[in-house]
Amino acid sequence: MITRKTIQVGGVEMTIETGKMAGLANGSVTVQYGETIVLCTATAAAKPDFSR
């Protein structure tokens, strides 16, 4: 399911979207502000692996 929210910030559209990209990550979001787009992802494991 894709969730998208668009608001005006300083006269420029900012869109926050989740559920479209990086489906293998535990969580991901893209933020678009004007012509700039940022992809943020997060992953996690059930148990920590300190050998890395």
N, C-alpha and C. Protein backbone atom coordinates (compact mmCIF):
# COMPACT_ATOMS: atom_id res chain seq x y z
N MET A 1 0.84 -1.17 0.00
CA MET A 1 0.00 0.00 0.00
C MET A 1 0.89 1.25 0.00
N ILE A 2 0.68 2.12 -0.94
CA ILE A 2 1.44 3.36 -1.03
C ILE A 2 0.68 4.45 -0.28
N THR A 3 1.40 5.13 0.61
CA THR A 3 0.83 6.24 1.36
C THR A 3 1.59 7.50 0.98
N ARG A 4 0.85 8.57 0.65
CA ARG A 4 1.49 9.81 0.20
C ARG A 4 0.80 11.00 0.86
N LYS A 5 1.60 11.93 1.32
CA LYS A 5 1.09 13.17 1.92
C LYS A 5 1.87 14.33 1.31
N THR A 6 1.17 15.34 0.81
CA THR A 6 1.79 16.52 0.21
C THR A 6 1.34 17.76 0.96
N ILE A 7 2.32 18.61 1.32
CA ILE A 7 2.03 19.87 2.00
C ILE A 7 2.86 20.97 1.37
N GLN A 8 2.53 22.21 1.66
CA GLN A 8 3.30 23.36 1.22
C GLN A 8 4.23 23.79 2.35
N VAL A 9 5.52 23.92 2.05
CA VAL A 9 6.51 24.38 3.02
C VAL A 9 7.29 25.51 2.36
N GLY A 10 7.17 26.70 2.88
CA GLY A 10 7.88 27.83 2.31
C GLY A 10 7.51 28.11 0.86
N GLY A 11 6.27 27.82 0.49
CA GLY A 11 5.82 28.05 -0.88
C GLY A 11 6.22 26.96 -1.86
N VAL A 12 6.84 25.89 -1.37
CA VAL A 12 7.28 24.77 -2.22
C VAL A 12 6.58 23.51 -1.74
N GLU A 13 6.16 22.66 -2.69
CA GLU A 13 5.52 21.39 -2.32
C GLU A 13 6.52 20.42 -1.72
N MET A 14 6.15 19.79 -0.61
CA MET A 14 6.94 18.72 -0.03
C MET A 14 6.04 17.48 0.03
N THR A 15 6.52 16.38 -0.57
CA THR A 15 5.76 15.14 -0.61
C THR A 15 6.52 14.07 0.16
N ILE A 16 5.83 13.41 1.08
CA ILE A 16 6.39 12.29 1.84
C ILE A 16 5.62 11.05 1.41
N GLU A 17 6.36 10.01 1.01
CA GLU A 17 5.73 8.82 0.45
C GLU A 17 6.38 7.56 1.02
N THR A 18 5.57 6.58 1.36
CA THR A 18 6.08 5.30 1.84
C THR A 18 5.32 4.16 1.16
N GLY A 19 5.97 2.99 1.09
CA GLY A 19 5.33 1.82 0.52
C GLY A 19 5.58 1.61 -0.96
N LYS A 20 6.38 2.46 -1.59
CA LYS A 20 6.60 2.34 -3.03
C LYS A 20 7.98 1.77 -3.37
N MET A 21 9.01 2.19 -2.64
CA MET A 21 10.39 1.78 -2.94
C MET A 21 10.98 1.00 -1.78
N ALA A 22 12.07 0.29 -2.04
CA ALA A 22 12.86 -0.44 -1.03
C ALA A 22 11.99 -1.41 -0.24
N GLY A 23 11.27 -2.25 -0.95
CA GLY A 23 10.36 -3.20 -0.30
C GLY A 23 11.04 -4.23 0.58
N LEU A 24 12.34 -4.48 0.39
CA LEU A 24 13.05 -5.45 1.23
C LEU A 24 13.53 -4.84 2.54
N ALA A 25 13.51 -3.53 2.66
CA ALA A 25 13.90 -2.88 3.92
C ALA A 25 12.73 -2.99 4.90
N ASN A 26 13.04 -2.91 6.19
CA ASN A 26 11.98 -2.94 7.19
C ASN A 26 11.11 -1.68 7.15
N GLY A 27 11.69 -0.60 6.68
CA GLY A 27 10.94 0.64 6.53
C GLY A 27 11.64 1.54 5.54
N SER A 28 10.87 2.29 4.76
CA SER A 28 11.49 3.22 3.81
C SER A 28 10.52 4.37 3.54
N VAL A 29 11.10 5.52 3.23
CA VAL A 29 10.30 6.70 2.92
C VAL A 29 11.08 7.54 1.91
N THR A 30 10.37 8.15 0.97
CA THR A 30 10.98 9.14 0.10
C THR A 30 10.37 10.49 0.44
N VAL A 31 11.22 11.50 0.45
CA VAL A 31 10.79 12.87 0.70
C VAL A 31 11.22 13.70 -0.49
N GLN A 32 10.26 14.37 -1.12
CA GLN A 32 10.56 15.25 -2.25
C GLN A 32 10.22 16.67 -1.86
N TYR A 33 11.20 17.56 -2.03
CA TYR A 33 11.02 18.99 -1.76
C TYR A 33 11.49 19.74 -2.99
N GLY A 34 10.55 20.25 -3.76
CA GLY A 34 10.91 20.87 -5.03
C GLY A 34 11.47 19.82 -5.97
N GLU A 35 12.70 20.02 -6.44
CA GLU A 35 13.33 19.08 -7.35
C GLU A 35 14.26 18.09 -6.65
N THR A 36 14.34 18.16 -5.32
CA THR A 36 15.23 17.29 -4.55
C THR A 36 14.45 16.12 -3.97
N ILE A 37 14.98 14.90 -4.15
CA ILE A 37 14.34 13.70 -3.60
C ILE A 37 15.36 12.95 -2.75
N VAL A 38 14.93 12.52 -1.55
CA VAL A 38 15.78 11.77 -0.64
C VAL A 38 15.07 10.46 -0.31
N LEU A 39 15.81 9.34 -0.37
CA LEU A 39 15.30 8.03 0.02
C LEU A 39 15.96 7.65 1.33
N CYS A 40 15.16 7.35 2.35
CA CYS A 40 15.68 6.89 3.65
C CYS A 40 15.15 5.49 3.90
N THR A 41 16.04 4.58 4.31
CA THR A 41 15.64 3.21 4.61
C THR A 41 16.15 2.82 5.99
N ALA A 42 15.49 1.82 6.56
CA ALA A 42 15.91 1.28 7.85
C ALA A 42 15.76 -0.24 7.81
N THR A 43 16.74 -0.93 8.38
CA THR A 43 16.67 -2.39 8.49
C THR A 43 16.99 -2.78 9.92
N ALA A 44 16.55 -3.97 10.29
CA ALA A 44 16.78 -4.45 11.65
C ALA A 44 16.90 -5.97 11.63
N ALA A 45 17.52 -6.52 12.66
CA ALA A 45 17.64 -7.97 12.82
C ALA A 45 17.03 -8.36 14.16
N ALA A 46 16.59 -9.59 14.25
CA ALA A 46 16.00 -10.06 15.50
C ALA A 46 17.03 -10.10 16.62
N LYS A 47 18.28 -10.45 16.27
CA LYS A 47 19.36 -10.51 17.25
C LYS A 47 20.53 -9.68 16.75
N PRO A 48 21.19 -8.92 17.61
CA PRO A 48 22.36 -8.15 17.18
C PRO A 48 23.52 -9.07 16.80
N ASP A 49 24.28 -8.68 15.78
CA ASP A 49 25.46 -9.43 15.34
C ASP A 49 26.67 -8.51 15.49
N PHE A 50 27.40 -8.64 16.59
CA PHE A 50 28.52 -7.77 16.88
C PHE A 50 29.81 -8.20 16.19
N SER A 51 29.77 -9.28 15.39
CA SER A 51 30.97 -9.75 14.71
C SER A 51 31.28 -8.92 13.46
N ARG A 52 30.42 -8.02 13.07
CA ARG A 52 30.63 -7.22 11.86
C ARG A 52 31.28 -5.92 12.18
